[in-house]
């Protein structure tokens, strides 16, 4: 159902370096690049992830209640990707661990303050 998610950035080169390294952990690679927009995919038929400088020229701001989730294949993958995010300068929003039955996730904010998680369900 979801084709892609797009989050704002105020520093595209810095954000690209962060997401290039983070998505390399899950087999992601760039699929589209414009002057103010970059998108990544894992190559399957799933949704893609993009960052952009706002089209209206105003500063990008964080959406309250907005979060992007990165699906992985195991709890070890959750730990590895979460650790990579921390290494890249992300801010902790909740370390990897169980969140109810059949859901394991770690939460963090990227360099622009956008909230993400990495998870496995089941």
PDB file of N, CA and C in Angstrom:
ATOM      1  N   UNK A   1       0.803  -1.189   0.000  1.00  0.00           N
ATOM      2  CA  UNK A   1       0.000   0.000   0.000  1.00  0.00           C
ATOM      3  C   UNK A   1       0.855   1.265   0.000  1.00  0.00           C
ATOM      4  N   UNK A   2       1.874   1.349   0.853  1.00  0.00           N
ATOM      5  CA  UNK A   2       2.711   2.542   0.912  1.00  0.00           C
ATOM      6  C   UNK A   2       3.810   2.435  -0.146  1.00  0.00           C
ATOM      7  N   UNK A   3       3.929   3.466  -0.962  1.00  0.00           N
ATOM      8  CA  UNK A   3       4.955   3.481  -2.000  1.00  0.00           C
ATOM      9  C   UNK A   3       6.283   3.990  -1.488  1.00  0.00           C
ATOM     10  N   UNK A   4       6.234   5.089  -0.718  1.00  0.00           N
ATOM     11  CA  UNK A   4       7.448   5.630  -0.114  1.00  0.00           C
ATOM     12  C   UNK A   4       7.086   6.578   1.011  1.00  0.00           C
ATOM     13  N   UNK A   5       8.062   6.817   1.867  1.00  0.00           N
ATOM     14  CA  UNK A   5       7.937   7.814   2.914  1.00  0.00           C
ATOM     15  C   UNK A   5       9.027   8.840   2.667  1.00  0.00           C
ATOM     16  N   UNK A   6       8.724  10.088   2.953  1.00  0.00           N
ATOM     17  CA  UNK A   6       9.677  11.167   2.725  1.00  0.00           C
ATOM     18  C   UNK A   6       9.780  12.008   3.987  1.00  0.00           C
ATOM     19  N   UNK A   7      11.004  12.239   4.447  1.00  0.00           N
ATOM     20  CA  UNK A   7      11.256  13.086   5.611  1.00  0.00           C
ATOM     21  C   UNK A   7      12.104  14.273   5.188  1.00  0.00           C
ATOM     22  N   UNK A   8      11.955  15.373   5.905  1.00  0.00           N
ATOM     23  CA  UNK A   8      12.684  16.583   5.569  1.00  0.00           C
ATOM     24  C   UNK A   8      14.070  16.638   6.181  1.00  0.00           C
ATOM     25  N   UNK A   9      14.939  17.404   5.519  1.00  0.00           N
ATOM     26  CA  UNK A   9      16.281  17.659   6.031  1.00  0.00           C
ATOM     27  C   UNK A   9      16.672  19.096   5.726  1.00  0.00           C
ATOM     28  N   UNK A  10      17.522  19.640   6.584  1.00  0.00           N
ATOM     29  CA  UNK A  10      18.088  20.971   6.362  1.00  0.00           C
ATOM     30  C   UNK A  10      19.527  20.893   5.876  1.00  0.00           C
ATOM     31  N   UNK A  11      20.076  19.685   5.795  1.00  0.00           N
ATOM     32  CA  UNK A  11      21.452  19.481   5.347  1.00  0.00           C
ATOM     33  C   UNK A  11      21.498  18.192   4.528  1.00  0.00           C
ATOM     34  N   UNK A  12      21.200  18.296   3.257  1.00  0.00           N
ATOM     35  CA  UNK A  12      21.087  17.110   2.402  1.00  0.00           C
ATOM     36  C   UNK A  12      22.368  16.274   2.353  1.00  0.00           C
ATOM     37  N   UNK A  13      23.554  16.874   2.165  1.00  0.00           N
ATOM     38  CA  UNK A  13      24.761  16.030   2.141  1.00  0.00           C
ATOM     39  C   UNK A  13      24.974  15.252   3.442  1.00  0.00           C
ATOM     40  N   UNK A  14      24.754  15.894   4.585  1.00  0.00           N
ATOM     41  CA  UNK A  14      24.914  15.219   5.873  1.00  0.00           C
ATOM     42  C   UNK A  14      23.888  14.102   6.020  1.00  0.00           C
ATOM     43  N   UNK A  15      22.643  14.379   5.650  1.00  0.00           N
ATOM     44  CA  UNK A  15      21.593  13.364   5.745  1.00  0.00           C
ATOM     45  C   UNK A  15      21.878  12.194   4.803  1.00  0.00           C
ATOM     46  N   UNK A  16      22.366  12.483   3.608  1.00  0.00           N
ATOM     47  CA  UNK A  16      22.696  11.408   2.657  1.00  0.00           C
ATOM     48  C   UNK A  16      23.802  10.512   3.203  1.00  0.00           C
ATOM     49  N   UNK A  17      24.817  11.095   3.801  1.00  0.00           N
ATOM     50  CA  UNK A  17      25.898  10.292   4.380  1.00  0.00           C
ATOM     51  C   UNK A  17      25.356   9.386   5.489  1.00  0.00           C
ATOM     52  N   UNK A  18      24.462   9.931   6.334  1.00  0.00           N
ATOM     53  CA  UNK A  18      23.841   9.159   7.411  1.00  0.00           C
ATOM     54  C   UNK A  18      23.056   7.984   6.834  1.00  0.00           C
ATOM     55  N   UNK A  19      22.154   8.252   5.885  1.00  0.00           N
ATOM     56  CA  UNK A  19      21.294   7.203   5.351  1.00  0.00           C
ATOM     57  C   UNK A  19      22.021   6.243   4.414  1.00  0.00           C
ATOM     58  N   UNK A  20      23.032   6.703   3.685  1.00  0.00           N
ATOM     59  CA  UNK A  20      23.839   5.765   2.892  1.00  0.00           C
ATOM     60  C   UNK A  20      24.432   4.695   3.797  1.00  0.00           C
ATOM     61  N   UNK A  21      25.022   5.124   4.906  1.00  0.00           N
ATOM     62  CA  UNK A  21      25.655   4.175   5.834  1.00  0.00           C
ATOM     63  C   UNK A  21      24.617   3.331   6.565  1.00  0.00           C
ATOM     64  N   UNK A  22      23.513   3.942   6.987  1.00  0.00           N
ATOM     65  CA  UNK A  22      22.488   3.202   7.712  1.00  0.00           C
ATOM     66  C   UNK A  22      21.830   2.156   6.819  1.00  0.00           C
ATOM     67  N   UNK A  23      21.409   2.549   5.624  1.00  0.00           N
ATOM     68  CA  UNK A  23      20.713   1.614   4.743  1.00  0.00           C
ATOM     69  C   UNK A  23      21.636   0.561   4.152  1.00  0.00           C
ATOM     70  N   UNK A  24      22.941   0.802   4.128  1.00  0.00           N
ATOM     71  CA  UNK A  24      23.883  -0.239   3.716  1.00  0.00           C
ATOM     72  C   UNK A  24      23.772  -1.445   4.641  1.00  0.00           C
ATOM     73  N   UNK A  25      23.386  -1.220   5.892  1.00  0.00           N
ATOM     74  CA  UNK A  25      23.229  -2.298   6.869  1.00  0.00           C
ATOM     75  C   UNK A  25      22.081  -3.243   6.517  1.00  0.00           C
ATOM     76  N   UNK A  26      21.119  -2.777   5.715  1.00  0.00           N
ATOM     77  CA  UNK A  26      19.962  -3.605   5.359  1.00  0.00           C
ATOM     78  C   UNK A  26      19.871  -3.832   3.849  1.00  0.00           C
ATOM     79  N   UNK A  27      20.968  -3.616   3.137  1.00  0.00           N
ATOM     80  CA  UNK A  27      20.996  -3.857   1.701  1.00  0.00           C
ATOM     81  C   UNK A  27      20.331  -2.771   0.876  1.00  0.00           C
ATOM     82  N   UNK A  28      20.140  -1.604   1.465  1.00  0.00           N
ATOM     83  CA  UNK A  28      19.517  -0.502   0.740  1.00  0.00           C
ATOM     84  C   UNK A  28      20.519   0.269  -0.093  1.00  0.00           C
ATOM     85  N   UNK A  29      20.025   0.838  -1.183  1.00  0.00           N
ATOM     86  CA  UNK A  29      20.879   1.663  -2.033  1.00  0.00           C
ATOM     87  C   UNK A  29      20.044   2.778  -2.654  1.00  0.00           C
ATOM     88  N   UNK A  30      20.725   3.816  -3.072  1.00  0.00           N
ATOM     89  CA  UNK A  30      20.029   4.935  -3.700  1.00  0.00           C
ATOM     90  C   UNK A  30      19.342   4.481  -4.986  1.00  0.00           C
ATOM     91  N   UNK A  31      18.124   4.982  -5.184  1.00  0.00           N
ATOM     92  CA  UNK A  31      17.380   4.663  -6.399  1.00  0.00           C
ATOM     93  C   UNK A  31      17.030   5.900  -7.206  1.00  0.00           C
ATOM     94  N   UNK A  32      17.065   7.077  -6.568  1.00  0.00           N
ATOM     95  CA  UNK A  32      16.704   8.308  -7.239  1.00  0.00           C
ATOM     96  C   UNK A  32      17.402   9.473  -6.557  1.00  0.00           C
ATOM     97  N   UNK A  33      17.921  10.390  -7.365  1.00  0.00           N
ATOM     98  CA  UNK A  33      18.596  11.564  -6.820  1.00  0.00           C
ATOM     99  C   UNK A  33      18.245  12.801  -7.639  1.00  0.00           C
ATOM    100  N   UNK A  34      17.893  13.849  -6.953  1.00  0.00           N
ATOM    101  CA  UNK A  34      17.669  15.168  -7.534  1.00  0.00           C
ATOM    102  C   UNK A  34      18.523  16.150  -6.736  1.00  0.00           C
ATOM    103  N   UNK A  35      18.494  17.417  -7.073  1.00  0.00           N
ATOM    104  CA  UNK A  35      19.280  18.408  -6.338  1.00  0.00           C
ATOM    105  C   UNK A  35      18.878  18.516  -4.870  1.00  0.00           C
ATOM    106  N   UNK A  36      17.600  18.304  -4.570  1.00  0.00           N
ATOM    107  CA  UNK A  36      17.103  18.495  -3.207  1.00  0.00           C
ATOM    108  C   UNK A  36      16.429  17.257  -2.635  1.00  0.00           C
ATOM    109  N   UNK A  37      16.565  16.105  -3.294  1.00  0.00           N
ATOM    110  CA  UNK A  37      15.805  14.903  -2.945  1.00  0.00           C
ATOM    111  C   UNK A  37      16.635  13.661  -3.247  1.00  0.00           C
ATOM    112  N   UNK A  38      16.664  12.706  -2.322  1.00  0.00           N
ATOM    113  CA  UNK A  38      17.330  11.420  -2.548  1.00  0.00           C
ATOM    114  C   UNK A  38      16.434  10.328  -1.972  1.00  0.00           C
ATOM    115  N   UNK A  39      16.303   9.209  -2.705  1.00  0.00           N
ATOM    116  CA  UNK A  39      15.495   8.079  -2.246  1.00  0.00           C
ATOM    117  C   UNK A  39      16.315   6.797  -2.288  1.00  0.00           C
ATOM    118  N   UNK A  40      16.017   5.884  -1.355  1.00  0.00           N
ATOM    119  CA  UNK A  40      16.675   4.585  -1.236  1.00  0.00           C
ATOM    120  C   UNK A  40      15.634   3.480  -1.333  1.00  0.00           C
ATOM    121  N   UNK A  41      16.095   2.312  -1.763  1.00  0.00           N
ATOM    122  CA  UNK A  41      15.248   1.124  -1.802  1.00  0.00           C
ATOM    123  C   UNK A  41      16.091  -0.084  -1.444  1.00  0.00           C
ATOM    124  N   UNK A  42      15.412  -1.139  -1.021  1.00  0.00           N
ATOM    125  CA  UNK A  42      16.120  -2.396  -0.766  1.00  0.00           C
ATOM    126  C   UNK A  42      16.069  -3.294  -1.990  1.00  0.00           C
ATOM    127  N   UNK A  43      15.451  -2.823  -3.072  1.00  0.00           N
ATOM    128  CA  UNK A  43      15.435  -3.579  -4.309  1.00  0.00           C
ATOM    129  C   UNK A  43      14.259  -4.512  -4.465  1.00  0.00           C
ATOM    130  N   UNK A  44      13.470  -4.714  -3.405  1.00  0.00           N
ATOM    131  CA  UNK A  44      12.301  -5.568  -3.537  1.00  0.00           C
ATOM    132  C   UNK A  44      11.091  -4.708  -3.902  1.00  0.00           C
ATOM    133  N   UNK A  45       9.931  -5.256  -3.834  1.00  0.00           N
ATOM    134  CA  UNK A  45       8.715  -4.541  -4.228  1.00  0.00           C
ATOM    135  C   UNK A  45       8.158  -3.677  -3.101  1.00  0.00           C
ATOM    136  N   UNK A  46       8.890  -3.566  -1.991  1.00  0.00           N
ATOM    137  CA  UNK A  46       8.413  -2.803  -0.851  1.00  0.00           C
ATOM    138  C   UNK A  46       8.535  -1.305  -1.045  1.00  0.00           C
ATOM    139  N   UNK A  47       8.196  -0.589  -0.011  1.00  0.00           N
ATOM    140  CA  UNK A  47       8.243   0.870  -0.027  1.00  0.00           C
ATOM    141  C   UNK A  47       9.679   1.369  -0.045  1.00  0.00           C
ATOM    142  N   UNK A  48       9.865   2.581  -0.527  1.00  0.00           N
ATOM    143  CA  UNK A  48      11.175   3.215  -0.494  1.00  0.00           C
ATOM    144  C   UNK A  48      11.170   4.346   0.529  1.00  0.00           C
ATOM    145  N   UNK A  49      12.338   4.887   0.788  1.00  0.00           N
ATOM    146  CA  UNK A  49      12.542   5.926   1.800  1.00  0.00           C
ATOM    147  C   UNK A  49      13.242   7.104   1.138  1.00  0.00           C
ATOM    148  N   UNK A  50      12.779   8.310   1.407  1.00  0.00           N
ATOM    149  CA  UNK A  50      13.373   9.492   0.788  1.00  0.00           C
ATOM    150  C   UNK A  50      13.583  10.595   1.814  1.00  0.00           C
ATOM    151  N   UNK A  51      14.558  11.454   1.533  1.00  0.00           N
ATOM    152  CA  UNK A  51      14.756  12.683   2.286  1.00  0.00           C
ATOM    153  C   UNK A  51      14.748  13.835   1.293  1.00  0.00           C
ATOM    154  N   UNK A  52      14.306  14.978   1.758  1.00  0.00           N
ATOM    155  CA  UNK A  52      14.210  16.127   0.869  1.00  0.00           C
ATOM    156  C   UNK A  52      14.372  17.434   1.628  1.00  0.00           C
ATOM    157  N   UNK A  53      14.862  18.406   0.929  1.00  0.00           N
ATOM    158  CA  UNK A  53      14.797  19.767   1.428  1.00  0.00           C
ATOM    159  C   UNK A  53      13.408  20.262   1.045  1.00  0.00           C
ATOM    160  N   UNK A  54      12.717  20.977   1.933  1.00  0.00           N
ATOM    161  CA  UNK A  54      11.351  21.402   1.628  1.00  0.00           C
ATOM    162  C   UNK A  54      11.272  22.234   0.344  1.00  0.00           C
ATOM    163  N   UNK A  55      10.271  21.924  -0.474  1.00  0.00           N
ATOM    164  CA  UNK A  55      10.067  22.579  -1.749  1.00  0.00           C
ATOM    165  C   UNK A  55       9.773  24.070  -1.578  1.00  0.00           C
ATOM    166  N   UNK A  56       9.116  24.421  -0.473  1.00  0.00           N
ATOM    167  CA  UNK A  56       8.738  25.824  -0.277  1.00  0.00           C
ATOM    168  C   UNK A  56       9.892  26.709   0.183  1.00  0.00           C
ATOM    169  N   UNK A  57      11.070  26.126   0.394  1.00  0.00           N
ATOM    170  CA  UNK A  57      12.236  26.909   0.786  1.00  0.00           C
ATOM    171  C   UNK A  57      12.341  27.186   2.278  1.00  0.00           C
ATOM    172  N   UNK A  58      11.322  26.826   3.041  1.00  0.00           N
ATOM    173  CA  UNK A  58      11.377  27.000   4.494  1.00  0.00           C
ATOM    174  C   UNK A  58      12.180  25.860   5.114  1.00  0.00           C
ATOM    175  N   UNK A  59      12.529  26.026   6.372  1.00  0.00           N
ATOM    176  CA  UNK A  59      13.288  24.997   7.085  1.00  0.00           C
ATOM    177  C   UNK A  59      12.453  23.732   7.257  1.00  0.00           C
ATOM    178  N   UNK A  60      13.111  22.587   7.161  1.00  0.00           N
ATOM    179  CA  UNK A  60      12.461  21.318   7.464  1.00  0.00           C
ATOM    180  C   UNK A  60      12.245  21.255   8.969  1.00  0.00           C
ATOM    181  N   UNK A  61      11.093  20.751   9.370  1.00  0.00           N
ATOM    182  CA  UNK A  61      10.793  20.572  10.788  1.00  0.00           C
ATOM    183  C   UNK A  61      10.335  19.132  11.012  1.00  0.00           C
ATOM    184  N   UNK A  62      10.432  18.690  12.245  1.00  0.00           N
ATOM    185  CA  UNK A  62      10.059  17.332  12.617  1.00  0.00           C
ATOM    186  C   UNK A  62       8.554  17.271  12.843  1.00  0.00           C
ATOM    187  N   UNK A  63       7.902  16.255  12.307  1.00  0.00           N
ATOM    188  CA  UNK A  63       6.473  16.067  12.515  1.00  0.00           C
ATOM    189  C   UNK A  63       6.212  15.380  13.839  1.00  0.00           C
ATOM    190  N   UNK A  64       5.411  16.002  14.693  1.00  0.00           N
ATOM    191  CA  UNK A  64       5.061  15.414  15.978  1.00  0.00           C
ATOM    192  C   UNK A  64       4.126  14.235  15.753  1.00  0.00           C
ATOM    193  N   UNK A  65       4.554  13.052  16.151  1.00  0.00           N
ATOM    194  CA  UNK A  65       3.776  11.841  15.932  1.00  0.00           C
ATOM    195  C   UNK A  65       4.153  11.103  14.657  1.00  0.00           C
ATOM    196  N   UNK A  66       5.076  11.644  13.885  1.00  0.00           N
ATOM    197  CA  UNK A  66       5.516  11.014  12.637  1.00  0.00           C
ATOM    198  C   UNK A  66       6.709  10.106  12.909  1.00  0.00           C
ATOM    199  N   UNK A  67       6.680   8.899  12.340  1.00  0.00           N
ATOM    200  CA  UNK A  67       7.807   7.980  12.502  1.00  0.00           C
ATOM    201  C   UNK A  67       7.875   7.079  11.282  1.00  0.00           C
ATOM    202  N   UNK A  68       9.081   6.801  10.825  1.00  0.00           N
ATOM    203  CA  UNK A  68       9.311   5.828   9.758  1.00  0.00           C
ATOM    204  C   UNK A  68       9.892   4.574  10.392  1.00  0.00           C
ATOM    205  N   UNK A  69       9.452   3.405   9.938  1.00  0.00           N
ATOM    206  CA  UNK A  69       9.904   2.138  10.502  1.00  0.00           C
ATOM    207  C   UNK A  69      10.629   1.318   9.444  1.00  0.00           C
ATOM    208  N   UNK A  70      11.776   0.754   9.819  1.00  0.00           N
ATOM    209  CA  UNK A  70      12.616  -0.035   8.923  1.00  0.00           C
ATOM    210  C   UNK A  70      12.495  -1.502   9.326  1.00  0.00           C
ATOM    211  N   UNK A  71      11.920  -2.319   8.453  1.00  0.00           N
ATOM    212  CA  UNK A  71      11.743  -3.747   8.738  1.00  0.00           C
ATOM    213  C   UNK A  71      13.036  -4.505   8.453  1.00  0.00           C
ATOM    214  N   UNK A  72      13.384  -5.417   9.373  1.00  0.00           N
ATOM    215  CA  UNK A  72      14.556  -6.275   9.202  1.00  0.00           C
ATOM    216  C   UNK A  72      14.162  -7.720   9.500  1.00  0.00           C
ATOM    217  N   UNK A  73      15.123  -8.640   9.372  1.00  0.00           N
ATOM    218  CA  UNK A  73      14.803 -10.054   9.463  1.00  0.00           C
ATOM    219  C   UNK A  73      15.020 -10.736  10.798  1.00  0.00           C
ATOM    220  N   UNK A  74      15.709 -10.078  11.747  1.00  0.00           N
ATOM    221  CA  UNK A  74      15.983 -10.750  13.018  1.00  0.00           C
ATOM    222  C   UNK A  74      16.236  -9.725  14.123  1.00  0.00           C
ATOM    223  N   UNK A  75      16.198 -10.189  15.352  1.00  0.00           N
ATOM    224  CA  UNK A  75      16.529  -9.317  16.483  1.00  0.00           C
ATOM    225  C   UNK A  75      17.976  -8.839  16.393  1.00  0.00           C
ATOM    226  N   UNK A  76      18.871  -9.702  15.929  1.00  0.00           N
ATOM    227  CA  UNK A  76      20.264  -9.291  15.745  1.00  0.00           C
ATOM    228  C   UNK A  76      20.372  -8.165  14.728  1.00  0.00           C
ATOM    229  N   UNK A  77      19.553  -8.211  13.670  1.00  0.00           N
ATOM    230  CA  UNK A  77      19.532  -7.123  12.689  1.00  0.00           C
ATOM    231  C   UNK A  77      19.059  -5.822  13.332  1.00  0.00           C
ATOM    232  N   UNK A  78      18.039  -5.912  14.174  1.00  0.00           N
ATOM    233  CA  UNK A  78      17.554  -4.720  14.886  1.00  0.00           C
ATOM    234  C   UNK A  78      18.703  -4.107  15.681  1.00  0.00           C
ATOM    235  N   UNK A  79      19.401  -4.925  16.434  1.00  0.00           N
ATOM    236  CA  UNK A  79      20.514  -4.442  17.250  1.00  0.00           C
ATOM    237  C   UNK A  79      21.616  -3.832  16.394  1.00  0.00           C
ATOM    238  N   UNK A  80      21.939  -4.475  15.286  1.00  0.00           N
ATOM    239  CA  UNK A  80      23.014  -4.014  14.410  1.00  0.00           C
ATOM    240  C   UNK A  80      22.671  -2.672  13.764  1.00  0.00           C
ATOM    241  N   UNK A  81      21.469  -2.542  13.230  1.00  0.00           N
ATOM    242  CA  UNK A  81      21.073  -1.297  12.563  1.00  0.00           C
ATOM    243  C   UNK A  81      20.927  -0.168  13.584  1.00  0.00           C
ATOM    244  N   UNK A  82      20.333  -0.465  14.729  1.00  0.00           N
ATOM    245  CA  UNK A  82      20.209   0.537  15.795  1.00  0.00           C
ATOM    246  C   UNK A  82      21.605   1.013  16.232  1.00  0.00           C
ATOM    247  N   UNK A  83      22.529   0.083  16.421  1.00  0.00           N
ATOM    248  CA  UNK A  83      23.903   0.439  16.819  1.00  0.00           C
ATOM    249  C   UNK A  83      24.573   1.299  15.753  1.00  0.00           C
ATOM    250  N   UNK A  84      24.335   0.983  14.490  1.00  0.00           N
ATOM    251  CA  UNK A  84      24.894   1.780  13.398  1.00  0.00           C
ATOM    252  C   UNK A  84      24.329   3.202  13.445  1.00  0.00           C
ATOM    253  N   UNK A  85      23.047   3.331  13.689  1.00  0.00           N
ATOM    254  CA  UNK A  85      22.439   4.661  13.801  1.00  0.00           C
ATOM    255  C   UNK A  85      23.099   5.455  14.925  1.00  0.00           C
ATOM    256  N   UNK A  86      23.317   4.818  16.072  1.00  0.00           N
ATOM    257  CA  UNK A  86      23.967   5.502  17.200  1.00  0.00           C
ATOM    258  C   UNK A  86      25.390   5.916  16.826  1.00  0.00           C
ATOM    259  N   UNK A  87      26.100   5.021  16.149  1.00  0.00           N
ATOM    260  CA  UNK A  87      27.473   5.300  15.706  1.00  0.00           C
ATOM    261  C   UNK A  87      27.510   6.504  14.759  1.00  0.00           C
ATOM    262  N   UNK A  88      26.462   6.651  13.959  1.00  0.00           N
ATOM    263  CA  UNK A  88      26.397   7.739  12.977  1.00  0.00           C
ATOM    264  C   UNK A  88      25.911   9.063  13.571  1.00  0.00           C
ATOM    265  N   UNK A  89      25.604   9.071  14.869  1.00  0.00           N
ATOM    266  CA  UNK A  89      25.204  10.309  15.521  1.00  0.00           C
ATOM    267  C   UNK A  89      23.722  10.451  15.812  1.00  0.00           C
ATOM    268  N   UNK A  90      22.954   9.380  15.614  1.00  0.00           N
ATOM    269  CA  UNK A  90      21.530   9.420  15.937  1.00  0.00           C
ATOM    270  C   UNK A  90      21.342   9.573  17.445  1.00  0.00           C
ATOM    271  N   UNK A  91      20.137   9.958  17.832  1.00  0.00           N
ATOM    272  CA  UNK A  91      19.772  10.123  19.237  1.00  0.00           C
ATOM    273  C   UNK A  91      18.867   8.969  19.655  1.00  0.00           C
ATOM    274  N   UNK A  92      19.173   8.363  20.789  1.00  0.00           N
ATOM    275  CA  UNK A  92      18.390   7.244  21.302  1.00  0.00           C
ATOM    276  C   UNK A  92      16.972   7.685  21.676  1.00  0.00           C
ATOM    277  N   UNK A  93      15.990   6.892  21.242  1.00  0.00           N
ATOM    278  CA  UNK A  93      14.592   7.087  21.629  1.00  0.00           C
ATOM    279  C   UNK A  93      14.029   5.812  22.261  1.00  0.00           C
ATOM    280  N   UNK A  94      14.881   4.847  22.512  1.00  0.00           N
ATOM    281  CA  UNK A  94      14.473   3.580  23.102  1.00  0.00           C
ATOM    282  C   UNK A  94      15.302   2.453  22.522  1.00  0.00           C
ATOM    283  N   UNK A  95      16.189   1.853  23.321  1.00  0.00           N
ATOM    284  CA  UNK A  95      17.099   0.822  22.811  1.00  0.00           C
ATOM    285  C   UNK A  95      16.355  -0.431  22.355  1.00  0.00           C
ATOM    286  N   UNK A  96      17.020  -1.268  21.566  1.00  0.00           N
ATOM    287  CA  UNK A  96      16.381  -2.500  21.098  1.00  0.00           C
ATOM    288  C   UNK A  96      15.871  -3.347  22.255  1.00  0.00           C
ATOM    289  N   UNK A  97      14.680  -3.883  22.047  1.00  0.00           N
ATOM    290  CA  UNK A  97      14.084  -4.755  23.041  1.00  0.00           C
ATOM    291  C   UNK A  97      12.671  -5.116  22.641  1.00  0.00           C
ATOM    292  N   UNK A  98      12.071  -6.059  23.388  1.00  0.00           N
ATOM    293  CA  UNK A  98      10.692  -6.461  23.084  1.00  0.00           C
ATOM    294  C   UNK A  98       9.726  -5.330  23.427  1.00  0.00           C
ATOM    295  N   UNK A  99       8.733  -5.167  22.589  1.00  0.00           N
ATOM    296  CA  UNK A  99       7.671  -4.182  22.806  1.00  0.00           C
ATOM    297  C   UNK A  99       6.350  -4.930  22.657  1.00  0.00           C
ATOM    298  N   UNK A 100       5.957  -5.638  23.680  1.00  0.00           N
ATOM    299  CA  UNK A 100       4.757  -6.457  23.599  1.00  0.00           C
ATOM    300  C   UNK A 100       5.072  -7.793  22.949  1.00  0.00           C
ATOM    301  N   UNK A 101       4.021  -8.532  22.660  1.00  0.00           N
ATOM    302  CA  UNK A 101       4.169  -9.850  22.044  1.00  0.00           C
ATOM    303  C   UNK A 101       4.537  -9.716  20.571  1.00  0.00           C
ATOM    304  N   UNK A 102       5.517 -10.485  20.141  1.00  0.00           N
ATOM    305  CA  UNK A 102       5.870 -10.610  18.726  1.00  0.00           C
ATOM    306  C   UNK A 102       6.353  -9.322  18.061  1.00  0.00           C
ATOM    307  N   UNK A 103       6.882  -8.385  18.830  1.00  0.00           N
ATOM    308  CA  UNK A 103       7.402  -7.151  18.243  1.00  0.00           C
ATOM    309  C   UNK A 103       8.679  -6.782  18.991  1.00  0.00           C
ATOM    310  N   UNK A 104       9.764  -6.592  18.239  1.00  0.00           N
ATOM    311  CA  UNK A 104      11.066  -6.265  18.803  1.00  0.00           C
ATOM    312  C   UNK A 104      11.583  -5.068  18.021  1.00  0.00           C
ATOM    313  N   UNK A 105      11.947  -3.982  18.733  1.00  0.00           N
ATOM    314  CA  UNK A 105      12.307  -2.759  18.019  1.00  0.00           C
ATOM    315  C   UNK A 105      13.291  -1.915  18.807  1.00  0.00           C
ATOM    316  N   UNK A 106      13.997  -1.049  18.084  1.00  0.00           N
ATOM    317  CA  UNK A 106      14.836  -0.005  18.650  1.00  0.00           C
ATOM    318  C   UNK A 106      14.448   1.309  17.985  1.00  0.00           C
ATOM    319  N   UNK A 107      14.400   2.387  18.762  1.00  0.00           N
ATOM    320  CA  UNK A 107      13.924   3.683  18.282  1.00  0.00           C
ATOM    321  C   UNK A 107      15.040   4.719  18.352  1.00  0.00           C
ATOM    322  N   UNK A 108      15.082   5.607  17.352  1.00  0.00           N
ATOM    323  CA  UNK A 108      16.103   6.655  17.334  1.00  0.00           C
ATOM    324  C   UNK A 108      15.643   7.829  16.489  1.00  0.00           C
ATOM    325  N   UNK A 109      16.353   8.942  16.636  1.00  0.00           N
ATOM    326  CA  UNK A 109      16.120  10.122  15.802  1.00  0.00           C
ATOM    327  C   UNK A 109      17.353  10.364  14.945  1.00  0.00           C
ATOM    328  N   UNK A 110      17.108  10.699  13.669  1.00  0.00           N
ATOM    329  CA  UNK A 110      18.215  10.971  12.761  1.00  0.00           C
ATOM    330  C   UNK A 110      18.845  12.325  13.079  1.00  0.00           C
ATOM    331  N   UNK A 111      19.761  12.782  12.262  1.00  0.00           N
ATOM    332  CA  UNK A 111      20.506  14.003  12.528  1.00  0.00           C
ATOM    333  C   UNK A 111      19.651  15.260  12.429  1.00  0.00           C
ATOM    334  N   UNK A 112      18.487  15.162  11.772  1.00  0.00           N
ATOM    335  CA  UNK A 112      17.545  16.278  11.691  1.00  0.00           C
ATOM    336  C   UNK A 112      16.447  16.184  12.744  1.00  0.00           C
ATOM    337  N   UNK A 113      16.459  15.125  13.554  1.00  0.00           N
ATOM    338  CA  UNK A 113      15.451  14.953  14.594  1.00  0.00           C
ATOM    339  C   UNK A 113      14.245  14.121  14.177  1.00  0.00           C
ATOM    340  N   UNK A 114      14.252  13.580  12.958  1.00  0.00           N
ATOM    341  CA  UNK A 114      13.159  12.711  12.514  1.00  0.00           C
ATOM    342  C   UNK A 114      13.212  11.387  13.279  1.00  0.00           C
ATOM    343  N   UNK A 115      12.048  10.909  13.723  1.00  0.00           N
ATOM    344  CA  UNK A 115      11.991   9.676  14.493  1.00  0.00           C
ATOM    345  C   UNK A 115      11.850   8.465  13.568  1.00  0.00           C
ATOM    346  N   UNK A 116      12.671   7.439  13.853  1.00  0.00           N
ATOM    347  CA  UNK A 116      12.630   6.180  13.121  1.00  0.00           C
ATOM    348  C   UNK A 116      12.687   5.023  14.115  1.00  0.00           C
ATOM    349  N   UNK A 117      12.320   3.852  13.617  1.00  0.00           N
ATOM    350  CA  UNK A 117      12.614   2.648  14.370  1.00  0.00           C
ATOM    351  C   UNK A 117      13.052   1.569  13.412  1.00  0.00           C
ATOM    352  N   UNK A 118      13.696   0.580  13.954  1.00  0.00           N
ATOM    353  CA  UNK A 118      14.068  -0.617  13.210  1.00  0.00           C
ATOM    354  C   UNK A 118      13.422  -1.757  13.978  1.00  0.00           C
ATOM    355  N   UNK A 119      12.745  -2.667  13.244  1.00  0.00           N
ATOM    356  CA  UNK A 119      11.920  -3.652  13.945  1.00  0.00           C
ATOM    357  C   UNK A 119      11.849  -4.993  13.212  1.00  0.00           C
ATOM    358  N   UNK A 120      11.419  -5.991  13.983  1.00  0.00           N
ATOM    359  CA  UNK A 120      10.991  -7.276  13.430  1.00  0.00           C
ATOM    360  C   UNK A 120       9.694  -7.646  14.147  1.00  0.00           C
ATOM    361  N   UNK A 121       8.783  -8.165  13.378  1.00  0.00           N
ATOM    362  CA  UNK A 121       7.490  -8.592  13.937  1.00  0.00           C
ATOM    363  C   UNK A 121       7.345 -10.078  13.683  1.00  0.00           C
ATOM    364  N   UNK A 122       6.917 -10.767  14.719  1.00  0.00           N
ATOM    365  CA  UNK A 122       6.695 -12.207  14.549  1.00  0.00           C
ATOM    366  C   UNK A 122       7.778 -13.043  15.162  1.00  0.00           C
TER     367      UNK A 122
END
